[in-house]
Amino acid sequence: MGVFTRTDEYTSPIPPDRLFKALVLDAHILIPELMPEAVKSIDNLKGDGRAGSIKKINYVEGSQLKSVINRVDDVDEENFVYAYTLVEGEPLVVEKLEYITYKAKFEAASDGGSKNRLVSNYYTKGDVVLKEEDIKAGRERALGMYRVVEAYLLQNPDAYA
């Protein structure tokens, strides 16, 4: 098994506490509401959303994906850190990967917004070599959700304040 690591960094005019609340703590409510054309629901299969919980993201009919299952590994509300493992559902996982771990950290920026880092570790099956195009769709989906939530927070300055 090999490991392919990818780090993405984003800046936002939204402070880290608001982004964390919206994207992490209330994602199960907010994402399906803001993106009904893509995400049908986010369900807690086990737990309350904290570490050890199992979450299932259900996509709308006709989507490339039916659902994915994530295990929540860490929710640090004080330091705005969220870690989880994609364990089931992504075609890439079934075909080429054992699993994918993600760790997101939201930090304050000097301009009042935030600097946000997402570290993704892709654990390959056997001697599989992972290519950038293999992970592109998943990264684009994640960034799309991030941007939709960011736009919502910009339009609603009192939300998650």
C-alpha atoms as a PDB file:
ATOM      1  CA  MET A   1       0.000   0.000   0.000  1.00  0.00           C
ATOM      2  CA  GLY A   2       1.248   3.438  -0.927  1.00  0.00           C
ATOM      3  CA  VAL A   3       0.183   6.864   0.272  1.00  0.00           C
ATOM      4  CA  PHE A   4      -0.384   9.878  -1.958  1.00  0.00           C
ATOM      5  CA  THR A   5      -0.721  13.175  -0.059  1.00  0.00           C
ATOM      6  CA  ARG A   6      -2.309  16.302  -1.442  1.00  0.00           C
ATOM      7  CA  THR A   7      -2.509  19.661   0.368  1.00  0.00           C
ATOM      8  CA  ASP A   8      -4.902  22.349  -0.784  1.00  0.00           C
ATOM      9  CA  GLU A   9      -5.062  25.843   0.663  1.00  0.00           C
ATOM     10  CA  TYR A  10      -7.898  28.310   0.302  1.00  0.00           C
ATOM     11  CA  THR A  11      -8.448  31.816   1.561  1.00  0.00           C
ATOM     12  CA  SER A  12     -11.820  33.224   2.453  1.00  0.00           C
ATOM     13  CA  PRO A  13     -13.207  36.557   3.626  1.00  0.00           C
ATOM     14  CA  ILE A  14     -15.220  34.531   6.189  1.00  0.00           C
ATOM     15  CA  PRO A  15     -13.700  34.116   9.687  1.00  0.00           C
ATOM     16  CA  PRO A  16     -12.735  30.567  10.656  1.00  0.00           C
ATOM     17  CA  ASP A  17     -15.360  30.156  13.390  1.00  0.00           C
ATOM     18  CA  ARG A  18     -18.239  30.863  10.983  1.00  0.00           C
ATOM     19  CA  LEU A  19     -16.857  28.593   8.255  1.00  0.00           C
ATOM     20  CA  PHE A  20     -16.244  25.791  10.751  1.00  0.00           C
ATOM     21  CA  LYS A  21     -19.764  26.010  12.184  1.00  0.00           C
ATOM     22  CA  ALA A  22     -21.367  26.017   8.735  1.00  0.00           C
ATOM     23  CA  LEU A  23     -19.109  23.528   6.911  1.00  0.00           C
ATOM     24  CA  VAL A  24     -18.530  21.114   9.780  1.00  0.00           C
ATOM     25  CA  LEU A  25     -20.967  21.410  12.666  1.00  0.00           C
ATOM     26  CA  ASP A  26     -24.100  22.155  10.622  1.00  0.00           C
ATOM     27  CA  ALA A  27     -23.155  20.622   7.265  1.00  0.00           C
ATOM     28  CA  HIS A  28     -25.849  17.967   7.626  1.00  0.00           C
ATOM     29  CA  ILE A  29     -28.475  20.746   7.639  1.00  0.00           C
ATOM     30  CA  LEU A  30     -26.886  23.438   5.497  1.00  0.00           C
ATOM     31  CA  ILE A  31     -25.392  21.512   2.547  1.00  0.00           C
ATOM     32  CA  PRO A  32     -28.629  19.748   1.461  1.00  0.00           C
ATOM     33  CA  GLU A  33     -30.482  23.048   1.900  1.00  0.00           C
ATOM     34  CA  LEU A  34     -27.998  25.064  -0.194  1.00  0.00           C
ATOM     35  CA  MET A  35     -27.292  22.347  -2.767  1.00  0.00           C
ATOM     36  CA  PRO A  36     -30.560  20.418  -3.275  1.00  0.00           C
ATOM     37  CA  GLU A  37     -29.617  19.751  -6.902  1.00  0.00           C
ATOM     38  CA  ALA A  38     -26.593  17.738  -5.724  1.00  0.00           C
ATOM     39  CA  VAL A  39     -27.004  16.524  -2.131  1.00  0.00           C
ATOM     40  CA  LYS A  40     -30.218  14.858  -0.974  1.00  0.00           C
ATOM     41  CA  SER A  41     -29.239  14.446   2.693  1.00  0.00           C
ATOM     42  CA  ILE A  42     -26.415  13.943   5.157  1.00  0.00           C
ATOM     43  CA  ASP A  43     -27.324  11.374   7.794  1.00  0.00           C
ATOM     44  CA  ASN A  44     -25.609  10.315  11.007  1.00  0.00           C
ATOM     45  CA  LEU A  45     -25.651   6.526  10.851  1.00  0.00           C
ATOM     46  CA  LYS A  46     -23.858   6.313  14.195  1.00  0.00           C
ATOM     47  CA  GLY A  47     -23.082   8.934  16.821  1.00  0.00           C
ATOM     48  CA  ASP A  48     -23.855  12.613  17.136  1.00  0.00           C
ATOM     49  CA  GLY A  49     -21.431  13.994  14.542  1.00  0.00           C
ATOM     50  CA  ARG A  50     -18.437  13.991  16.870  1.00  0.00           C
ATOM     51  CA  ALA A  51     -15.371  11.729  16.715  1.00  0.00           C
ATOM     52  CA  GLY A  52     -16.361   8.122  16.113  1.00  0.00           C
ATOM     53  CA  SER A  53     -19.551   9.044  14.262  1.00  0.00           C
ATOM     54  CA  ILE A  54     -20.390   7.569  10.876  1.00  0.00           C
ATOM     55  CA  LYS A  55     -21.978   9.930   8.322  1.00  0.00           C
ATOM     56  CA  LYS A  56     -23.594   9.084   5.022  1.00  0.00           C
ATOM     57  CA  ILE A  57     -23.858  11.702   2.286  1.00  0.00           C
ATOM     58  CA  ASN A  58     -26.693  10.841  -0.092  1.00  0.00           C
ATOM     59  CA  TYR A  59     -26.527  12.417  -3.535  1.00  0.00           C
ATOM     60  CA  VAL A  60     -29.543  13.109  -5.732  1.00  0.00           C
ATOM     61  CA  GLU A  61     -30.685  10.548  -8.259  1.00  0.00           C
ATOM     62  CA  GLY A  62     -28.773  10.787 -11.513  1.00  0.00           C
ATOM     63  CA  SER A  63     -25.543  11.896  -9.818  1.00  0.00           C
ATOM     64  CA  GLN A  64     -22.267  10.184 -10.572  1.00  0.00           C
ATOM     65  CA  LEU A  65     -22.277   9.012  -6.947  1.00  0.00           C
ATOM     66  CA  LYS A  66     -25.153   7.482  -5.034  1.00  0.00           C
ATOM     67  CA  SER A  67     -23.619   8.023  -1.593  1.00  0.00           C
ATOM     68  CA  VAL A  68     -20.396   8.083   0.399  1.00  0.00           C
ATOM     69  CA  ILE A  69     -19.758   7.069   3.980  1.00  0.00           C
ATOM     70  CA  ASN A  70     -17.350   8.980   6.198  1.00  0.00           C
ATOM     71  CA  ARG A  71     -16.027   8.182   9.660  1.00  0.00           C
ATOM     72  CA  VAL A  72     -15.456  11.277  11.782  1.00  0.00           C
ATOM     73  CA  ASP A  73     -12.004  11.096  13.360  1.00  0.00           C
ATOM     74  CA  ASP A  74     -11.728  14.486  15.100  1.00  0.00           C
ATOM     75  CA  VAL A  75     -13.857  17.576  15.698  1.00  0.00           C
ATOM     76  CA  ASP A  76     -11.834  20.257  17.498  1.00  0.00           C
ATOM     77  CA  GLU A  77     -14.107  23.279  17.925  1.00  0.00           C
ATOM     78  CA  GLU A  78     -11.472  25.337  19.754  1.00  0.00           C
ATOM     79  CA  ASN A  79      -8.825  25.047  17.027  1.00  0.00           C
ATOM     80  CA  PHE A  80     -11.241  24.640  14.087  1.00  0.00           C
ATOM     81  CA  VAL A  81      -9.881  21.256  13.011  1.00  0.00           C
ATOM     82  CA  TYR A  82     -11.972  18.526  11.416  1.00  0.00           C
ATOM     83  CA  ALA A  83     -10.651  15.123  10.387  1.00  0.00           C
ATOM     84  CA  TYR A  84     -12.530  12.301   8.735  1.00  0.00           C
ATOM     85  CA  THR A  85     -12.001   9.183   6.658  1.00  0.00           C
ATOM     86  CA  LEU A  86     -13.907   8.319   3.499  1.00  0.00           C
ATOM     87  CA  VAL A  87     -14.475   4.611   3.915  1.00  0.00           C
ATOM     88  CA  GLU A  88     -17.113   3.688   1.344  1.00  0.00           C
ATOM     89  CA  GLY A  89     -18.898   4.795  -1.802  1.00  0.00           C
ATOM     90  CA  GLU A  90     -16.442   6.692  -3.961  1.00  0.00           C
ATOM     91  CA  PRO A  91     -15.653   4.698  -7.163  1.00  0.00           C
ATOM     92  CA  LEU A  92     -12.017   5.677  -6.708  1.00  0.00           C
ATOM     93  CA  VAL A  93     -11.979   4.029  -3.261  1.00  0.00           C
ATOM     94  CA  VAL A  94     -13.508   0.821  -4.547  1.00  0.00           C
ATOM     95  CA  GLU A  95     -11.220   0.575  -7.573  1.00  0.00           C
ATOM     96  CA  LYS A  96      -7.857   1.942  -6.500  1.00  0.00           C
ATOM     97  CA  LEU A  97      -7.879   2.921  -2.836  1.00  0.00           C
ATOM     98  CA  GLU A  98      -8.296   1.366   0.560  1.00  0.00           C
ATOM     99  CA  TYR A  99      -9.558   4.675   1.977  1.00  0.00           C
ATOM    100  CA  ILE A 100      -8.926   8.439   2.050  1.00  0.00           C
ATOM    101  CA  THR A 101      -8.241  10.561   5.137  1.00  0.00           C
ATOM    102  CA  TYR A 102      -8.924  14.279   5.266  1.00  0.00           C
ATOM    103  CA  LYS A 103      -7.879  16.895   7.784  1.00  0.00           C
ATOM    104  CA  ALA A 104      -9.211  20.436   7.472  1.00  0.00           C
ATOM    105  CA  LYS A 105      -7.895  23.341   9.524  1.00  0.00           C
ATOM    106  CA  PHE A 106      -9.440  26.798   9.503  1.00  0.00           C
ATOM    107  CA  GLU A 107      -7.140  29.605  10.718  1.00  0.00           C
ATOM    108  CA  ALA A 108      -7.653  33.318  11.177  1.00  0.00           C
ATOM    109  CA  ALA A 109      -6.129  35.578   8.531  1.00  0.00           C
ATOM    110  CA  SER A 110      -4.856  39.075   9.216  1.00  0.00           C
ATOM    111  CA  ASP A 111      -7.627  40.586   7.055  1.00  0.00           C
ATOM    112  CA  GLY A 112     -10.398  39.158   9.277  1.00  0.00           C
ATOM    113  CA  GLY A 113     -11.064  36.221   6.975  1.00  0.00           C
ATOM    114  CA  SER A 114      -9.459  32.809   7.093  1.00  0.00           C
ATOM    115  CA  LYS A 115      -6.754  30.615   5.655  1.00  0.00           C
ATOM    116  CA  ASN A 116      -7.979  27.075   5.244  1.00  0.00           C
ATOM    117  CA  ARG A 117      -5.926  23.978   4.624  1.00  0.00           C
ATOM    118  CA  LEU A 118      -7.129  20.548   3.593  1.00  0.00           C
ATOM    119  CA  VAL A 119      -4.660  17.673   3.703  1.00  0.00           C
ATOM    120  CA  SER A 120      -5.842  14.546   1.904  1.00  0.00           C
ATOM    121  CA  ASN A 121      -4.068  11.197   2.191  1.00  0.00           C
ATOM    122  CA  TYR A 122      -4.976   8.578  -0.398  1.00  0.00           C
ATOM    123  CA  TYR A 123      -4.063   5.039   0.660  1.00  0.00           C
ATOM    124  CA  THR A 124      -3.707   2.976  -2.512  1.00  0.00           C
ATOM    125  CA  LYS A 125      -4.376  -0.711  -2.977  1.00  0.00           C
ATOM    126  CA  GLY A 126      -1.290  -2.780  -3.726  1.00  0.00           C
ATOM    127  CA  ASP A 127       1.048  -1.066  -6.168  1.00  0.00           C
ATOM    128  CA  VAL A 128      -1.565   1.257  -7.696  1.00  0.00           C
ATOM    129  CA  VAL A 129      -0.110   4.583  -8.828  1.00  0.00           C
ATOM    130  CA  LEU A 130      -2.490   7.473  -8.311  1.00  0.00           C
ATOM    131  CA  LYS A 131      -2.683  10.270 -10.886  1.00  0.00           C
ATOM    132  CA  GLU A 132      -3.951  13.814 -10.459  1.00  0.00           C
ATOM    133  CA  GLU A 133      -6.944  13.171 -12.739  1.00  0.00           C
ATOM    134  CA  ASP A 134      -7.972  10.292 -10.449  1.00  0.00           C
ATOM    135  CA  ILE A 135      -8.709  12.706  -7.605  1.00  0.00           C
ATOM    136  CA  LYS A 136      -9.864  15.749  -9.575  1.00  0.00           C
ATOM    137  CA  ALA A 137     -13.647  15.126  -9.392  1.00  0.00           C
ATOM    138  CA  GLY A 138     -13.650  14.656  -5.604  1.00  0.00           C
ATOM    139  CA  ARG A 139     -11.606  17.787  -5.056  1.00  0.00           C
ATOM    140  CA  GLU A 140     -13.902  19.781  -7.334  1.00  0.00           C
ATOM    141  CA  ARG A 141     -16.985  18.543  -5.420  1.00  0.00           C
ATOM    142  CA  ALA A 142     -15.435  19.542  -2.097  1.00  0.00           C
ATOM    143  CA  LEU A 143     -14.387  22.968  -3.374  1.00  0.00           C
ATOM    144  CA  GLY A 144     -17.858  23.464  -4.860  1.00  0.00           C
ATOM    145  CA  MET A 145     -19.482  22.852  -1.462  1.00  0.00           C
ATOM    146  CA  TYR A 146     -16.968  25.156   0.191  1.00  0.00           C
ATOM    147  CA  ARG A 147     -17.709  27.980  -2.270  1.00  0.00           C
ATOM    148  CA  VAL A 148     -21.499  27.579  -1.983  1.00  0.00           C
ATOM    149  CA  VAL A 149     -21.318  27.809   1.822  1.00  0.00           C
ATOM    150  CA  GLU A 150     -18.924  30.748   1.600  1.00  0.00           C
ATOM    151  CA  ALA A 151     -21.329  32.600  -0.740  1.00  0.00           C
ATOM    152  CA  TYR A 152     -24.221  31.895   1.637  1.00  0.00           C
ATOM    153  CA  LEU A 153     -22.260  33.278   4.594  1.00  0.00           C
ATOM    154  CA  LEU A 154     -21.293  36.385   2.631  1.00  0.00           C
ATOM    155  CA  GLN A 155     -24.948  37.010   1.739  1.00  0.00           C
ATOM    156  CA  ASN A 156     -26.066  36.312   5.313  1.00  0.00           C
ATOM    157  CA  PRO A 157     -23.587  38.092   7.609  1.00  0.00           C
ATOM    158  CA  ASP A 158     -25.542  37.184  10.766  1.00  0.00           C
ATOM    159  CA  ALA A 159     -25.634  33.447   9.987  1.00  0.00           C
ATOM    160  CA  TYR A 160     -23.273  31.484  12.229  1.00  0.00           C
ATOM    161  CA  ALA A 161     -21.970  34.709  13.777  1.00  0.00           C
END
